[in-house]
Amino acid sequence: QAQFVESGGGLVQPGGSLRLSCSLSSNFFRKWTLAWYRQGPGTRRGPVATISADGTTIYDDSVKGRFTISRDNAESTVTLEMSGLSPEDTGSYFCNTAPSPSRTWGRGAQVTVAD
């Protein structure tokens, strides 16, 4: 069973940038479609960026043009580059498989966008 470990969150001012990383301990990493999920205050957790095994990416409209997801199959990591951050991006960010996430979630990375 995959173990997801997210890192890179923090406090940033509006308009700022952050880079999130997720490492996975699984021999099947290369075959999986992976996603970054966001859970904001009082909202359900949902995918904001997805990357398939062949590198095809899909973004939620709310982050399109500002977030970039990438993967390194050799290192078994998936990264989310975030720019132009706004308070609406505040939340906990998790990586997991997609479209059906594993039952085992990591602890997530907290992102807070505020002055």
C-alpha atoms as a PDB file:
ATOM      1  CA  GLN A   1       0.000   0.000   0.000  1.00  0.00           C
ATOM      2  CA  ALA A   2       1.333   3.404  -0.978  1.00  0.00           C
ATOM      3  CA  GLN A   3       2.548   5.803   1.670  1.00  0.00           C
ATOM      4  CA  PHE A   4       2.235   9.462   0.753  1.00  0.00           C
ATOM      5  CA  VAL A   5       4.452  12.071   2.394  1.00  0.00           C
ATOM      6  CA  GLU A   6       3.756  15.705   1.504  1.00  0.00           C
ATOM      7  CA  SER A   7       6.063  18.618   2.223  1.00  0.00           C
ATOM      8  CA  GLY A   8       6.637  22.248   1.302  1.00  0.00           C
ATOM      9  CA  GLY A   9       3.614  24.083   2.683  1.00  0.00           C
ATOM     10  CA  GLY A  10       3.771  27.344   4.564  1.00  0.00           C
ATOM     11  CA  LEU A  11       2.535  30.897   4.914  1.00  0.00           C
ATOM     12  CA  VAL A  12       2.774  33.126   1.860  1.00  0.00           C
ATOM     13  CA  GLN A  13       1.445  36.538   0.898  1.00  0.00           C
ATOM     14  CA  PRO A  14      -1.110  36.933  -1.896  1.00  0.00           C
ATOM     15  CA  GLY A  15       0.628  36.772  -5.226  1.00  0.00           C
ATOM     16  CA  GLY A  16       3.398  34.612  -3.838  1.00  0.00           C
ATOM     17  CA  SER A  17       4.614  31.160  -4.816  1.00  0.00           C
ATOM     18  CA  LEU A  18       5.116  27.816  -3.134  1.00  0.00           C
ATOM     19  CA  ARG A  19       6.374  24.420  -4.184  1.00  0.00           C
ATOM     20  CA  LEU A  20       4.858  21.258  -2.763  1.00  0.00           C
ATOM     21  CA  SER A  21       6.469  17.851  -3.007  1.00  0.00           C
ATOM     22  CA  CYS A  22       5.116  14.387  -2.393  1.00  0.00           C
ATOM     23  CA  SER A  23       7.127  11.221  -2.095  1.00  0.00           C
ATOM     24  CA  LEU A  24       5.588   7.793  -2.439  1.00  0.00           C
ATOM     25  CA  SER A  25       6.828   4.448  -1.265  1.00  0.00           C
ATOM     26  CA  SER A  26       5.441   2.129  -3.904  1.00  0.00           C
ATOM     27  CA  ASN A  27       6.785  -0.073  -6.666  1.00  0.00           C
ATOM     28  CA  PHE A  28       3.830   0.864  -8.861  1.00  0.00           C
ATOM     29  CA  PHE A  29       4.441   4.614  -8.955  1.00  0.00           C
ATOM     30  CA  ARG A  30       5.155   4.698 -12.681  1.00  0.00           C
ATOM     31  CA  LYS A  31       1.789   3.184 -13.544  1.00  0.00           C
ATOM     32  CA  TRP A  32      -0.408   5.433 -11.481  1.00  0.00           C
ATOM     33  CA  THR A  33      -2.310   8.568 -12.303  1.00  0.00           C
ATOM     34  CA  LEU A  34      -1.621  10.932  -9.418  1.00  0.00           C
ATOM     35  CA  ALA A  35      -3.249  14.106  -8.217  1.00  0.00           C
ATOM     36  CA  TRP A  36      -2.900  16.915  -5.752  1.00  0.00           C
ATOM     37  CA  TYR A  37      -6.037  17.375  -3.696  1.00  0.00           C
ATOM     38  CA  ARG A  38      -6.992  20.479  -1.768  1.00  0.00           C
ATOM     39  CA  GLN A  39      -9.235  20.781   1.248  1.00  0.00           C
ATOM     40  CA  GLY A  40     -10.019  24.364   2.123  1.00  0.00           C
ATOM     41  CA  PRO A  41     -11.701  25.629   5.272  1.00  0.00           C
ATOM     42  CA  GLY A  42     -15.206  24.217   5.334  1.00  0.00           C
ATOM     43  CA  THR A  43     -14.894  22.606   1.921  1.00  0.00           C
ATOM     44  CA  ARG A  44     -14.607  19.057   0.670  1.00  0.00           C
ATOM     45  CA  ARG A  45     -11.305  17.679  -0.492  1.00  0.00           C
ATOM     46  CA  GLY A  46     -11.051  17.650  -4.260  1.00  0.00           C
ATOM     47  CA  PRO A  47      -8.393  17.360  -6.973  1.00  0.00           C
ATOM     48  CA  VAL A  48      -6.807  20.539  -8.293  1.00  0.00           C
ATOM     49  CA  ALA A  49      -4.164  18.977 -10.548  1.00  0.00           C
ATOM     50  CA  THR A  50      -3.783  15.519 -12.040  1.00  0.00           C
ATOM     51  CA  ILE A  51      -0.957  13.864 -13.950  1.00  0.00           C
ATOM     52  CA  SER A  52      -1.289  10.541 -15.719  1.00  0.00           C
ATOM     53  CA  ALA A  53       1.366   7.886 -16.196  1.00  0.00           C
ATOM     54  CA  ASP A  54       2.230   9.339 -19.612  1.00  0.00           C
ATOM     55  CA  GLY A  55       2.532  12.859 -18.246  1.00  0.00           C
ATOM     56  CA  THR A  56      -0.823  14.224 -19.400  1.00  0.00           C
ATOM     57  CA  THR A  57      -2.007  16.921 -17.013  1.00  0.00           C
ATOM     58  CA  ILE A  58      -5.459  18.200 -16.067  1.00  0.00           C
ATOM     59  CA  TYR A  59      -6.164  21.220 -13.895  1.00  0.00           C
ATOM     60  CA  ASP A  60      -9.182  22.488 -12.071  1.00  0.00           C
ATOM     61  CA  ASP A  61     -10.340  25.798 -13.530  1.00  0.00           C
ATOM     62  CA  SER A  62      -9.548  27.529 -10.254  1.00  0.00           C
ATOM     63  CA  VAL A  63      -5.802  26.876 -10.619  1.00  0.00           C
ATOM     64  CA  LYS A  64      -5.353  26.697 -14.383  1.00  0.00           C
ATOM     65  CA  GLY A  65      -2.456  28.854 -15.523  1.00  0.00           C
ATOM     66  CA  ARG A  66      -1.116  29.248 -11.992  1.00  0.00           C
ATOM     67  CA  PHE A  67      -0.308  25.703 -10.822  1.00  0.00           C
ATOM     68  CA  THR A  68       1.917  23.143 -12.513  1.00  0.00           C
ATOM     69  CA  ILE A  69       2.031  19.464 -11.605  1.00  0.00           C
ATOM     70  CA  SER A  70       4.971  17.274 -12.537  1.00  0.00           C
ATOM     71  CA  ARG A  71       6.349  13.870 -11.663  1.00  0.00           C
ATOM     72  CA  ASP A  72       9.729  12.213 -11.404  1.00  0.00           C
ATOM     73  CA  ASN A  73       9.327   8.488 -11.886  1.00  0.00           C
ATOM     74  CA  ALA A  74      12.954   7.795 -10.996  1.00  0.00           C
ATOM     75  CA  GLU A  75      12.550   9.473  -7.613  1.00  0.00           C
ATOM     76  CA  SER A  76       8.894   8.473  -7.100  1.00  0.00           C
ATOM     77  CA  THR A  77       7.894  12.060  -6.434  1.00  0.00           C
ATOM     78  CA  VAL A  78       5.161  14.359  -7.633  1.00  0.00           C
ATOM     79  CA  THR A  79       5.479  18.125  -7.371  1.00  0.00           C
ATOM     80  CA  LEU A  80       3.053  21.029  -7.435  1.00  0.00           C
ATOM     81  CA  GLU A  81       4.430  24.436  -8.351  1.00  0.00           C
ATOM     82  CA  MET A  82       2.017  27.168  -7.283  1.00  0.00           C
ATOM     83  CA  SER A  83       2.198  30.808  -8.256  1.00  0.00           C
ATOM     84  CA  GLY A  84      -0.132  33.772  -8.128  1.00  0.00           C
ATOM     85  CA  LEU A  85      -1.513  32.442  -4.864  1.00  0.00           C
ATOM     86  CA  SER A  86      -4.658  33.969  -3.419  1.00  0.00           C
ATOM     87  CA  PRO A  87      -6.427  33.512  -0.074  1.00  0.00           C
ATOM     88  CA  GLU A  88      -8.828  31.142  -1.864  1.00  0.00           C
ATOM     89  CA  ASP A  89      -5.907  28.725  -2.283  1.00  0.00           C
ATOM     90  CA  THR A  90      -5.577  28.339   1.475  1.00  0.00           C
ATOM     91  CA  GLY A  91      -6.013  24.778   2.645  1.00  0.00           C
ATOM     92  CA  SER A  92      -4.416  21.424   3.197  1.00  0.00           C
ATOM     93  CA  TYR A  93      -2.897  19.820   0.137  1.00  0.00           C
ATOM     94  CA  PHE A  94      -2.605  16.078  -0.267  1.00  0.00           C
ATOM     95  CA  CYS A  95      -1.290  13.825  -2.978  1.00  0.00           C
ATOM     96  CA  ASN A  96      -2.937  10.551  -3.841  1.00  0.00           C
ATOM     97  CA  THR A  97      -3.921   8.397  -6.757  1.00  0.00           C
ATOM     98  CA  ALA A  98      -6.643   9.486  -9.148  1.00  0.00           C
ATOM     99  CA  PRO A  99      -9.432   9.302 -10.046  1.00  0.00           C
ATOM    100  CA  SER A 100      -9.980   6.947  -7.119  1.00  0.00           C
ATOM    101  CA  PRO A 101      -7.771   7.920  -4.218  1.00  0.00           C
ATOM    102  CA  SER A 102      -6.243   5.328  -1.959  1.00  0.00           C
ATOM    103  CA  ARG A 103      -7.837   4.987   1.472  1.00  0.00           C
ATOM    104  CA  THR A 104      -4.503   5.861   3.024  1.00  0.00           C
ATOM    105  CA  TRP A 105      -3.884   9.603   2.958  1.00  0.00           C
ATOM    106  CA  GLY A 106      -0.746  11.377   4.039  1.00  0.00           C
ATOM    107  CA  ARG A 107      -0.704  14.151   6.592  1.00  0.00           C
ATOM    108  CA  GLY A 108      -0.854  16.794   3.908  1.00  0.00           C
ATOM    109  CA  ALA A 109       0.887  20.129   3.509  1.00  0.00           C
ATOM    110  CA  GLN A 110      -0.768  23.232   4.913  1.00  0.00           C
ATOM    111  CA  VAL A 111      -0.818  26.269   2.647  1.00  0.00           C
ATOM    112  CA  THR A 112      -1.932  29.594   4.066  1.00  0.00           C
ATOM    113  CA  VAL A 113      -2.200  32.659   1.851  1.00  0.00           C
ATOM    114  CA  ALA A 114      -2.588  35.831   3.853  1.00  0.00           C
ATOM    115  CA  ASP A 115      -1.099  39.280   4.364  1.00  0.00           C
END
